[in-house]
PDB file of all heavy atoms in Angstrom:
ATOM      1  N   TRP A   1      16.765   0.382 -19.091  1.00  0.00           N
ATOM      2  CA  TRP A   1      17.638   0.205 -17.925  1.00  0.00           C
ATOM      3  C   TRP A   1      17.721   1.463 -17.068  1.00  0.00           C
ATOM      4  O   TRP A   1      17.798   1.370 -15.836  1.00  0.00           O
ATOM      5  CB  TRP A   1      19.025  -0.274 -18.356  1.00  0.00           C
ATOM      6  CG  TRP A   1      18.967  -1.680 -18.826  1.00  0.00           C
ATOM      7  CD1 TRP A   1      19.250  -2.145 -20.080  1.00  0.00           C
ATOM      8  CD2 TRP A   1      18.577  -2.832 -18.059  1.00  0.00           C
ATOM      9  NE1 TRP A   1      19.049  -3.501 -20.129  1.00  0.00           N
ATOM     10  CE2 TRP A   1      18.636  -3.956 -18.917  1.00  0.00           C
ATOM     11  CE3 TRP A   1      18.168  -3.024 -16.750  1.00  0.00           C
ATOM     12  CZ2 TRP A   1      18.317  -5.243 -18.490  1.00  0.00           C
ATOM     13  CZ3 TRP A   1      17.847  -4.310 -16.322  1.00  0.00           C
ATOM     14  CH2 TRP A   1      17.921  -5.390 -17.190  1.00  0.00           C
ATOM     15  N   VAL A   2      17.685   2.622 -17.679  1.00  0.00           N
ATOM     16  CA  VAL A   2      17.684   3.857 -16.895  1.00  0.00           C
ATOM     17  C   VAL A   2      16.435   3.892 -16.017  1.00  0.00           C
ATOM     18  O   VAL A   2      16.508   4.154 -14.812  1.00  0.00           O
ATOM     19  CB  VAL A   2      17.762   5.096 -17.806  1.00  0.00           C
ATOM     20  CG1 VAL A   2      17.493   6.375 -17.017  1.00  0.00           C
ATOM     21  CG2 VAL A   2      19.116   5.165 -18.492  1.00  0.00           C
ATOM     22  N   ASP A   3      15.279   3.592 -16.605  1.00  0.00           N
ATOM     23  CA  ASP A   3      14.046   3.567 -15.821  1.00  0.00           C
ATOM     24  C   ASP A   3      14.077   2.468 -14.770  1.00  0.00           C
ATOM     25  O   ASP A   3      13.699   2.688 -13.621  1.00  0.00           O
ATOM     26  CB  ASP A   3      12.835   3.370 -16.739  1.00  0.00           C
ATOM     27  CG  ASP A   3      11.541   3.396 -15.947  1.00  0.00           C
ATOM     28  OD1 ASP A   3      11.169   2.330 -15.383  1.00  0.00           O
ATOM     29  OD2 ASP A   3      10.902   4.454 -15.867  1.00  0.00           O
ATOM     30  N   TYR A   4      14.528   1.292 -15.158  1.00  0.00           N
ATOM     31  CA  TYR A   4      14.542   0.154 -14.234  1.00  0.00           C
ATOM     32  C   TYR A   4      15.361   0.451 -12.979  1.00  0.00           C
ATOM     33  O   TYR A   4      14.942   0.145 -11.871  1.00  0.00           O
ATOM     34  CB  TYR A   4      15.087  -1.093 -14.942  1.00  0.00           C
ATOM     35  CG  TYR A   4      15.131  -2.316 -14.058  1.00  0.00           C
ATOM     36  CD1 TYR A   4      13.989  -3.066 -13.845  1.00  0.00           C
ATOM     37  CD2 TYR A   4      16.307  -2.714 -13.441  1.00  0.00           C
ATOM     38  CE1 TYR A   4      14.010  -4.188 -13.026  1.00  0.00           C
ATOM     39  CE2 TYR A   4      16.347  -3.831 -12.621  1.00  0.00           C
ATOM     40  CZ  TYR A   4      15.189  -4.567 -12.420  1.00  0.00           C
ATOM     41  OH  TYR A   4      15.222  -5.671 -11.606  1.00  0.00           O
ATOM     42  N   PHE A   5      16.521   1.052 -13.142  1.00  0.00           N
ATOM     43  CA  PHE A   5      17.392   1.309 -11.999  1.00  0.00           C
ATOM     44  C   PHE A   5      17.090   2.618 -11.266  1.00  0.00           C
ATOM     45  O   PHE A   5      17.593   2.829 -10.172  1.00  0.00           O
ATOM     46  CB  PHE A   5      18.863   1.269 -12.418  1.00  0.00           C
ATOM     47  CG  PHE A   5      19.347  -0.124 -12.691  1.00  0.00           C
ATOM     48  CD1 PHE A   5      19.759  -0.493 -13.959  1.00  0.00           C
ATOM     49  CD2 PHE A   5      19.375  -1.075 -11.684  1.00  0.00           C
ATOM     50  CE1 PHE A   5      20.202  -1.788 -14.216  1.00  0.00           C
ATOM     51  CE2 PHE A   5      19.814  -2.368 -11.927  1.00  0.00           C
ATOM     52  CZ  PHE A   5      20.228  -2.723 -13.192  1.00  0.00           C
ATOM     53  N   THR A   6      16.253   3.494 -11.850  1.00  0.00           N
ATOM     54  CA  THR A   6      15.929   4.747 -11.165  1.00  0.00           C
ATOM     55  C   THR A   6      14.538   4.722 -10.541  1.00  0.00           C
ATOM     56  O   THR A   6      14.372   5.083  -9.386  1.00  0.00           O
ATOM     57  CB  THR A   6      16.060   5.954 -12.103  1.00  0.00           C
ATOM     58  OG1 THR A   6      15.202   5.772 -13.241  1.00  0.00           O
ATOM     59  CG2 THR A   6      17.498   6.139 -12.550  1.00  0.00           C
ATOM     60  N   SER A   7      13.527   4.300 -11.302  1.00  0.00           N
ATOM     61  CA  SER A   7      12.169   4.318 -10.758  1.00  0.00           C
ATOM     62  C   SER A   7      11.492   2.955 -10.778  1.00  0.00           C
ATOM     63  O   SER A   7      10.496   2.752 -10.098  1.00  0.00           O
ATOM     64  CB  SER A   7      11.300   5.307 -11.535  1.00  0.00           C
ATOM     65  OG  SER A   7      11.059   4.828 -12.849  1.00  0.00           O
ATOM     66  N   ALA A   8      11.987   2.038 -11.588  1.00  0.00           N
ATOM     67  CA  ALA A   8      11.445   0.678 -11.728  1.00  0.00           C
ATOM     68  C   ALA A   8       9.995   0.654 -12.195  1.00  0.00           C
ATOM     69  O   ALA A   8       9.274  -0.305 -11.940  1.00  0.00           O
ATOM     70  CB  ALA A   8      11.617  -0.110 -10.447  1.00  0.00           C
ATOM     71  N   GLU A   9       9.560   1.693 -12.903  1.00  0.00           N
ATOM     72  CA  GLU A   9       8.207   1.685 -13.450  1.00  0.00           C
ATOM     73  C   GLU A   9       8.045   0.655 -14.561  1.00  0.00           C
ATOM     74  O   GLU A   9       6.935   0.246 -14.868  1.00  0.00           O
ATOM     75  CB  GLU A   9       7.830   3.076 -13.951  1.00  0.00           C
ATOM     76  CG  GLU A   9       7.605   4.062 -12.823  1.00  0.00           C
ATOM     77  CD  GLU A   9       7.138   5.417 -13.324  1.00  0.00           C
ATOM     78  OE1 GLU A   9       6.555   5.483 -14.420  1.00  0.00           O
ATOM     79  OE2 GLU A   9       7.368   6.393 -12.607  1.00  0.00           O
ATOM     80  N   VAL A  10       9.151   0.219 -15.163  1.00  0.00           N
ATOM     81  CA  VAL A  10       9.073  -0.789 -16.226  1.00  0.00           C
ATOM     82  C   VAL A  10       8.997  -2.206 -15.677  1.00  0.00           C
ATOM     83  O   VAL A  10       8.775  -3.146 -16.425  1.00  0.00           O
ATOM     84  CB  VAL A  10      10.262  -0.678 -17.208  1.00  0.00           C
ATOM     85  CG1 VAL A  10      10.222   0.639 -17.976  1.00  0.00           C
ATOM     86  CG2 VAL A  10      11.577  -0.847 -16.486  1.00  0.00           C
ATOM     87  N   ALA A  11       9.174  -2.363 -14.380  1.00  0.00           N
ATOM     88  CA  ALA A  11       9.096  -3.698 -13.769  1.00  0.00           C
ATOM     89  C   ALA A  11       7.642  -4.150 -13.751  1.00  0.00           C
ATOM     90  O   ALA A  11       6.773  -3.485 -13.198  1.00  0.00           O
ATOM     91  CB  ALA A  11       9.660  -3.675 -12.356  1.00  0.00           C
ATOM     92  N   ALA A  12       7.378  -5.294 -14.360  1.00  0.00           N
ATOM     93  CA  ALA A  12       6.012  -5.811 -14.453  1.00  0.00           C
ATOM     94  C   ALA A  12       5.516  -6.377 -13.128  1.00  0.00           C
ATOM     95  O   ALA A  12       4.320  -6.379 -12.862  1.00  0.00           O
ATOM     96  CB  ALA A  12       5.928  -6.873 -15.543  1.00  0.00           C
ATOM     97  N   VAL A  13       6.433  -6.864 -12.298  1.00  0.00           N
ATOM     98  CA  VAL A  13       6.084  -7.482 -11.013  1.00  0.00           C
ATOM     99  C   VAL A  13       7.080  -6.979  -9.964  1.00  0.00           C
ATOM    100  O   VAL A  13       8.284  -7.025 -10.199  1.00  0.00           O
ATOM    101  CB  VAL A  13       6.166  -9.028 -11.114  1.00  0.00           C
ATOM    102  CG1 VAL A  13       5.842  -9.678  -9.792  1.00  0.00           C
ATOM    103  CG2 VAL A  13       5.248  -9.551 -12.203  1.00  0.00           C
ATOM    104  N   PRO A  14       6.606  -6.533  -8.806  1.00  0.00           N
ATOM    105  CA  PRO A  14       7.537  -6.028  -7.783  1.00  0.00           C
ATOM    106  C   PRO A  14       8.166  -7.122  -6.916  1.00  0.00           C
ATOM    107  O   PRO A  14       8.814  -6.822  -5.936  1.00  0.00           O
ATOM    108  CB  PRO A  14       6.639  -5.115  -6.939  1.00  0.00           C
ATOM    109  CG  PRO A  14       5.285  -5.709  -7.064  1.00  0.00           C
ATOM    110  CD  PRO A  14       5.216  -6.295  -8.449  1.00  0.00           C
ATOM    111  N   ALA A  15       8.020  -8.372  -7.285  1.00  0.00           N
ATOM    112  CA  ALA A  15       8.528  -9.492  -6.475  1.00  0.00           C
ATOM    113  C   ALA A  15      10.035  -9.677  -6.647  1.00  0.00           C
ATOM    114  O   ALA A  15      10.610  -9.360  -7.692  1.00  0.00           O
ATOM    115  CB  ALA A  15       7.816 -10.779  -6.865  1.00  0.00           C
ATOM    116  N   ARG A  16      10.670 -10.221  -5.622  1.00  0.00           N
ATOM    117  CA  ARG A  16      12.121 -10.453  -5.625  1.00  0.00           C
ATOM    118  C   ARG A  16      12.549 -11.397  -6.735  1.00  0.00           C
ATOM    119  O   ARG A  16      13.581 -11.186  -7.367  1.00  0.00           O
ATOM    120  CB  ARG A  16      12.553 -10.995  -4.246  1.00  0.00           C
ATOM    121  CG  ARG A  16      14.000 -11.404  -4.173  1.00  0.00           C
ATOM    122  CD  ARG A  16      14.933 -10.199  -4.169  1.00  0.00           C
ATOM    123  NE  ARG A  16      16.305 -10.661  -4.144  1.00  0.00           N
ATOM    124  CZ  ARG A  16      17.200 -10.368  -5.090  1.00  0.00           C
ATOM    125  NH1 ARG A  16      16.888  -9.591  -6.089  1.00  0.00           N
ATOM    126  NH2 ARG A  16      18.425 -10.822  -5.005  1.00  0.00           N
ATOM    127  N   TRP A  17      11.788 -12.456  -7.010  1.00  0.00           N
ATOM    128  CA  TRP A  17      12.155 -13.417  -8.060  1.00  0.00           C
ATOM    129  C   TRP A  17      12.200 -12.748  -9.432  1.00  0.00           C
ATOM    130  O   TRP A  17      13.011 -13.098 -10.270  1.00  0.00           O
ATOM    131  CB  TRP A  17      11.224 -14.635  -8.067  1.00  0.00           C
ATOM    132  CG  TRP A  17       9.759 -14.312  -8.234  1.00  0.00           C
ATOM    133  CD1 TRP A  17       8.848 -14.103  -7.236  1.00  0.00           C
ATOM    134  CD2 TRP A  17       9.050 -14.154  -9.464  1.00  0.00           C
ATOM    135  NE1 TRP A  17       7.612 -13.821  -7.775  1.00  0.00           N
ATOM    136  CE2 TRP A  17       7.700 -13.851  -9.141  1.00  0.00           C
ATOM    137  CE3 TRP A  17       9.403 -14.242 -10.806  1.00  0.00           C
ATOM    138  CZ2 TRP A  17       6.722 -13.634 -10.105  1.00  0.00           C
ATOM    139  CZ3 TRP A  17       8.424 -14.026 -11.763  1.00  0.00           C
ATOM    140  CH2 TRP A  17       7.100 -13.731 -11.414  1.00  0.00           C
ATOM    141  N   TYR A  18      11.322 -11.753  -9.641  1.00  0.00           N
ATOM    142  CA  TYR A  18      11.302 -11.044 -10.913  1.00  0.00           C
ATOM    143  C   TYR A  18      12.511 -10.120 -11.027  1.00  0.00           C
ATOM    144  O   TYR A  18      13.186 -10.097 -12.059  1.00  0.00           O
ATOM    145  CB  TYR A  18      10.001 -10.244 -11.044  1.00  0.00           C
ATOM    146  CG  TYR A  18       9.911  -9.453 -12.324  1.00  0.00           C
ATOM    147  CD1 TYR A  18       9.490 -10.048 -13.503  1.00  0.00           C
ATOM    148  CD2 TYR A  18      10.258  -8.102 -12.369  1.00  0.00           C
ATOM    149  CE1 TYR A  18       9.415  -9.332 -14.682  1.00  0.00           C
ATOM    150  CE2 TYR A  18      10.186  -7.379 -13.541  1.00  0.00           C
ATOM    151  CZ  TYR A  18       9.763  -8.001 -14.687  1.00  0.00           C
ATOM    152  OH  TYR A  18       9.703  -7.284 -15.863  1.00  0.00           O
ATOM    153  N   THR A  19      12.789  -9.358  -9.972  1.00  0.00           N
ATOM    154  CA  THR A  19      13.930  -8.444 -10.032  1.00  0.00           C
ATOM    155  C   THR A  19      15.252  -9.201 -10.080  1.00  0.00           C
ATOM    156  O   THR A  19      16.200  -8.736 -10.714  1.00  0.00           O
ATOM    157  CB  THR A  19      13.926  -7.450  -8.856  1.00  0.00           C
ATOM    158  OG1 THR A  19      13.906  -8.165  -7.626  1.00  0.00           O
ATOM    159  CG2 THR A  19      12.734  -6.513  -8.933  1.00  0.00           C
ATOM    160  N   ALA A  20      15.315 -10.369  -9.446  1.00  0.00           N
ATOM    161  CA  ALA A  20      16.538 -11.181  -9.536  1.00  0.00           C
ATOM    162  C   ALA A  20      16.796 -11.596 -10.978  1.00  0.00           C
ATOM    163  O   ALA A  20      17.937 -11.571 -11.452  1.00  0.00           O
ATOM    164  CB  ALA A  20      16.430 -12.407  -8.637  1.00  0.00           C
ATOM    165  N   PHE A  21      15.746 -11.974 -11.693  1.00  0.00           N
ATOM    166  CA  PHE A  21      15.890 -12.346 -13.095  1.00  0.00           C
ATOM    167  C   PHE A  21      16.316 -11.141 -13.926  1.00  0.00           C
ATOM    168  O   PHE A  21      17.274 -11.213 -14.706  1.00  0.00           O
ATOM    169  CB  PHE A  21      14.567 -12.915 -13.625  1.00  0.00           C
ATOM    170  CG  PHE A  21      14.593 -13.229 -15.089  1.00  0.00           C
ATOM    171  CD1 PHE A  21      15.266 -14.344 -15.552  1.00  0.00           C
ATOM    172  CD2 PHE A  21      13.941 -12.418 -16.001  1.00  0.00           C
ATOM    173  CE1 PHE A  21      15.297 -14.643 -16.915  1.00  0.00           C
ATOM    174  CE2 PHE A  21      13.963 -12.711 -17.356  1.00  0.00           C
ATOM    175  CZ  PHE A  21      14.641 -13.823 -17.812  1.00  0.00           C
ATOM    176  N   GLU A  22      15.627 -10.011 -13.766  1.00  0.00           N
ATOM    177  CA  GLU A  22      15.955  -8.817 -14.549  1.00  0.00           C
ATOM    178  C   GLU A  22      17.359  -8.304 -14.243  1.00  0.00           C
ATOM    179  O   GLU A  22      18.047  -7.817 -15.139  1.00  0.00           O
ATOM    180  CB  GLU A  22      14.923  -7.708 -14.288  1.00  0.00           C
ATOM    181  CG  GLU A  22      13.562  -7.987 -14.879  1.00  0.00           C
ATOM    182  CD  GLU A  22      13.559  -8.094 -16.392  1.00  0.00           C
ATOM    183  OE1 GLU A  22      14.356  -7.412 -17.065  1.00  0.00           O
ATOM    184  OE2 GLU A  22      12.748  -8.869 -16.912  1.00  0.00           O
ATOM    185  N   ASN A  23      17.799  -8.425 -13.002  1.00  0.00           N
ATOM    186  CA  ASN A  23      19.136  -7.957 -12.627  1.00  0.00           C
ATOM    187  C   ASN A  23      20.250  -8.771 -13.272  1.00  0.00           C
ATOM    188  O   ASN A  23      21.413  -8.361 -13.239  1.00  0.00           O
ATOM    189  CB  ASN A  23      19.300  -7.974 -11.110  1.00  0.00           C
ATOM    190  CG  ASN A  23      18.527  -6.875 -10.435  1.00  0.00           C
ATOM    191  OD1 ASN A  23      18.141  -5.899 -11.061  1.00  0.00           O
ATOM    192  ND2 ASN A  23      18.283  -7.032  -9.153  1.00  0.00           N
ATOM    193  N   SER A  24      19.929  -9.899 -13.861  1.00  0.00           N
ATOM    194  CA  SER A  24      20.952 -10.721 -14.508  1.00  0.00           C
ATOM    195  C   SER A  24      21.193 -10.309 -15.963  1.00  0.00           C
ATOM    196  O   SER A  24      22.066 -10.872 -16.615  1.00  0.00           O
ATOM    197  CB  SER A  24      20.559 -12.201 -14.437  1.00  0.00           C
ATOM    198  OG  SER A  24      19.397 -12.446 -15.205  1.00  0.00           O
ATOM    199  N   PHE A  25      20.467  -9.326 -16.473  1.00  0.00           N
ATOM    200  CA  PHE A  25      20.553  -8.964 -17.887  1.00  0.00           C
ATOM    201  C   PHE A  25      21.464  -7.797 -18.261  1.00  0.00           C
ATOM    202  O   PHE A  25      21.892  -7.723 -19.420  1.00  0.00           O
ATOM    203  CB  PHE A  25      19.152  -8.670 -18.436  1.00  0.00           C
ATOM    204  CG  PHE A  25      18.408  -9.906 -18.846  1.00  0.00           C
ATOM    205  CD1 PHE A  25      17.663 -10.599 -17.914  1.00  0.00           C
ATOM    206  CD2 PHE A  25      18.455 -10.363 -20.140  1.00  0.00           C
ATOM    207  CE1 PHE A  25      16.974 -11.733 -18.269  1.00  0.00           C
ATOM    208  CE2 PHE A  25      17.767 -11.508 -20.510  1.00  0.00           C
ATOM    209  CZ  PHE A  25      17.029 -12.193 -19.567  1.00  0.00           C
ATOM    210  N   PRO A  26      21.776  -6.840 -17.415  1.00  0.00           N
ATOM    211  CA  PRO A  26      22.509  -5.655 -17.890  1.00  0.00           C
ATOM    212  C   PRO A  26      23.825  -5.935 -18.606  1.00  0.00           C
ATOM    213  O   PRO A  26      24.117  -5.302 -19.625  1.00  0.00           O
ATOM    214  CB  PRO A  26      22.737  -4.831 -16.620  1.00  0.00           C
ATOM    215  CG  PRO A  26      21.594  -5.190 -15.748  1.00  0.00           C
ATOM    216  CD  PRO A  26      21.350  -6.651 -16.021  1.00  0.00           C
ATOM    217  N   ILE A  27      24.623  -6.852 -18.126  1.00  0.00           N
ATOM    218  CA  ILE A  27      25.909  -7.102 -18.792  1.00  0.00           C
ATOM    219  C   ILE A  27      25.690  -7.736 -20.161  1.00  0.00           C
ATOM    220  O   ILE A  27      26.320  -7.345 -21.149  1.00  0.00           O
ATOM    221  CB  ILE A  27      26.829  -7.961 -17.909  1.00  0.00           C
ATOM    222  CG1 ILE A  27      27.235  -7.155 -16.675  1.00  0.00           C
ATOM    223  CG2 ILE A  27      28.060  -8.440 -18.676  1.00  0.00           C
ATOM    224  CD1 ILE A  27      28.005  -7.921 -15.644  1.00  0.00           C
ATOM    225  N   ALA A  28      24.769  -8.691 -20.240  1.00  0.00           N
ATOM    226  CA  ALA A  28      24.474  -9.322 -21.529  1.00  0.00           C
ATOM    227  C   ALA A  28      23.862  -8.311 -22.498  1.00  0.00           C
ATOM    228  O   ALA A  28      24.190  -8.305 -23.695  1.00  0.00           O
ATOM    229  CB  ALA A  28      23.533 -10.507 -21.327  1.00  0.00           C
ATOM    230  N   ASP A  29      22.978  -7.448 -22.016  1.00  0.00           N
ATOM    231  CA  ASP A  29      22.410  -6.409 -22.874  1.00  0.00           C
ATOM    232  C   ASP A  29      23.477  -5.416 -23.322  1.00  0.00           C
ATOM    233  O   ASP A  29      23.446  -4.932 -24.458  1.00  0.00           O
ATOM    234  CB  ASP A  29      21.288  -5.673 -22.150  1.00  0.00           C
ATOM    235  CG  ASP A  29      19.977  -6.451 -22.150  1.00  0.00           C
ATOM    236  OD1 ASP A  29      19.925  -7.558 -22.736  1.00  0.00           O
ATOM    237  OD2 ASP A  29      18.999  -5.955 -21.557  1.00  0.00           O
ATOM    238  N   ALA A  30      24.411  -5.112 -22.437  1.00  0.00           N
ATOM    239  CA  ALA A  30      25.506  -4.210 -22.809  1.00  0.00           C
ATOM    240  C   ALA A  30      26.367  -4.840 -23.902  1.00  0.00           C
ATOM    241  O   ALA A  30      26.794  -4.153 -24.835  1.00  0.00           O
ATOM    242  CB  ALA A  30      26.353  -3.874 -21.587  1.00  0.00           C
ATOM    243  N   TRP A  31      26.607  -6.152 -23.809  1.00  0.00           N
ATOM    244  CA  TRP A  31      27.368  -6.856 -24.848  1.00  0.00           C
ATOM    245  C   TRP A  31      26.636  -6.768 -26.181  1.00  0.00           C
ATOM    246  O   TRP A  31      27.225  -6.487 -27.219  1.00  0.00           O
ATOM    247  CB  TRP A  31      27.596  -8.312 -24.446  1.00  0.00           C
ATOM    248  CG  TRP A  31      28.169  -9.134 -25.556  1.00  0.00           C
ATOM    249  CD1 TRP A  31      27.518 -10.084 -26.296  1.00  0.00           C
ATOM    250  CD2 TRP A  31      29.504  -9.073 -26.089  1.00  0.00           C
ATOM    251  NE1 TRP A  31      28.359 -10.607 -27.241  1.00  0.00           N
ATOM    252  CE2 TRP A  31      29.581 -10.005 -27.139  1.00  0.00           C
ATOM    253  CE3 TRP A  31      30.616  -8.315 -25.775  1.00  0.00           C
ATOM    254  CZ2 TRP A  31      30.740 -10.198 -27.869  1.00  0.00           C
ATOM    255  CZ3 TRP A  31      31.774  -8.511 -26.519  1.00  0.00           C
ATOM    256  CH2 TRP A  31      31.822  -9.449 -27.546  1.00  0.00           C
ATOM    257  N   MET A  32      25.322  -6.994 -26.151  1.00  0.00           N
ATOM    258  CA  MET A  32      24.531  -6.918 -27.368  1.00  0.00           C
ATOM    259  C   MET A  32      24.594  -5.505 -27.957  1.00  0.00           C
ATOM    260  O   MET A  32      24.780  -5.327 -29.163  1.00  0.00           O
ATOM    261  CB  MET A  32      23.082  -7.296 -27.094  1.00  0.00           C
ATOM    262  CG  MET A  32      22.200  -7.229 -28.326  1.00  0.00           C
ATOM    263  SD  MET A  32      20.455  -7.309 -27.927  1.00  0.00           S
ATOM    264  CE  MET A  32      20.253  -5.891 -26.869  1.00  0.00           C
ATOM    265  N   ALA A  33      24.461  -4.498 -27.107  1.00  0.00           N
ATOM    266  CA  ALA A  33      24.502  -3.116 -27.581  1.00  0.00           C
ATOM    267  C   ALA A  33      25.871  -2.759 -28.146  1.00  0.00           C
ATOM    268  O   ALA A  33      25.975  -2.114 -29.194  1.00  0.00           O
ATOM    269  CB  ALA A  33      24.133  -2.166 -26.436  1.00  0.00           C
TER     270      ALA A  33
END
């Protein structure tokens, strides 16, 4: 998440549909952590 929100080098696809999906995960991942 640090990389994703700072440089996005971990993003496999630079398309909006991909980032929209990935942007829906931080709260759920935080709950898991």
